[in-house]
Amino acid sequence: MVIAQARAKYATYPSPGASAWVHKHYIELGGQFIETHEKDRRQKIAQKKFESKKRKPVAKKEEKNKGK
């Protein structure tokens, strides 16, 4: 949708101006970009795994306490 609007708005697409407009407009509409650097993606995945492992033992303890 945003690219179609950019093609209608700018005479030449892709161009630096059109690309900047697409990027800005996409963010304004609530779009999110995924991380493309492998190092950063690995760190985020590792962080999510760590947080999920931290939550699991707490949930198990709460279940045991409910039965008593």
Protein backbone atom coordinates (compact mmCIF):
# COMPACT_ATOMS: atom_id res chain seq x y z
CA MET A 1 0.00 0.00 0.00
CA VAL A 2 2.72 2.48 0.96
CA ILE A 3 4.83 1.61 -2.08
CA ALA A 4 1.83 2.04 -4.37
CA GLN A 5 1.27 5.49 -2.88
CA ALA A 6 4.95 6.35 -3.38
CA ARG A 7 4.79 5.28 -7.04
CA ALA A 8 1.80 7.58 -7.54
CA LYS A 9 3.42 10.47 -5.66
CA TYR A 10 6.93 10.37 -7.20
CA ALA A 11 7.80 10.37 -10.89
CA THR A 12 10.66 7.91 -10.43
CA TYR A 13 10.51 5.06 -7.97
CA PRO A 14 12.77 3.88 -6.45
CA SER A 15 14.61 7.08 -5.72
CA PRO A 16 16.26 8.35 -2.53
CA GLY A 17 13.44 10.81 -1.84
CA ALA A 18 10.73 8.24 -2.45
CA SER A 19 12.49 5.65 -0.31
CA ALA A 20 12.81 8.11 2.56
CA TRP A 21 9.12 8.99 2.25
CA VAL A 22 8.14 5.29 2.26
CA HIS A 23 10.25 4.65 5.36
CA LYS A 24 8.80 7.62 7.24
CA HIS A 25 5.21 6.90 6.19
CA TYR A 26 5.52 3.20 7.09
CA ILE A 27 6.61 4.08 10.62
CA GLU A 28 3.81 6.66 10.96
CA LEU A 29 1.29 3.94 10.08
CA GLY A 30 2.64 1.76 12.89
CA GLY A 31 4.86 -0.51 10.83
CA GLN A 32 7.88 -2.15 12.41
CA PHE A 33 11.11 -3.25 10.81
CA ILE A 34 12.75 -6.53 11.79
CA GLU A 35 16.39 -6.58 12.77
CA THR A 36 18.48 -7.76 9.83
CA HIS A 37 21.91 -7.92 11.47
CA GLU A 38 22.52 -11.51 12.49
CA LYS A 39 24.32 -10.59 15.73
CA ASP A 40 21.45 -8.42 16.96
CA ARG A 41 18.83 -11.03 16.01
CA ARG A 42 20.73 -13.73 17.92
CA GLN A 43 20.94 -11.52 21.01
CA LYS A 44 17.19 -10.83 20.96
CA ILE A 45 16.37 -14.52 20.53
CA ALA A 46 18.72 -15.48 23.36
CA GLN A 47 17.16 -12.82 25.60
CA LYS A 48 13.65 -14.13 24.91
CA LYS A 49 14.72 -17.72 25.68
CA PHE A 50 16.35 -16.60 28.92
CA GLU A 51 13.25 -14.69 30.01
CA SER A 52 10.93 -17.59 29.20
CA LYS A 53 13.11 -20.00 31.20
CA LYS A 54 13.07 -17.58 34.15
CA ARG A 55 9.27 -17.51 34.14
CA LYS A 56 8.71 -21.29 34.02
CA PRO A 57 10.05 -22.21 37.50
CA VAL A 58 8.02 -19.41 39.09
CA ALA A 59 4.84 -20.76 37.49
CA LYS A 60 5.60 -24.29 38.74
CA LYS A 61 6.13 -23.04 42.31
CA GLU A 62 2.81 -21.18 42.22
CA GLU A 63 1.01 -24.35 41.09
CA LYS A 64 2.51 -26.33 43.97
CA ASN A 65 1.49 -23.68 46.50
CA LYS A 66 -2.11 -23.68 45.25
CA GLY A 67 -2.52 -27.35 46.10
CA LYS A 68 -1.52 -26.82 49.75
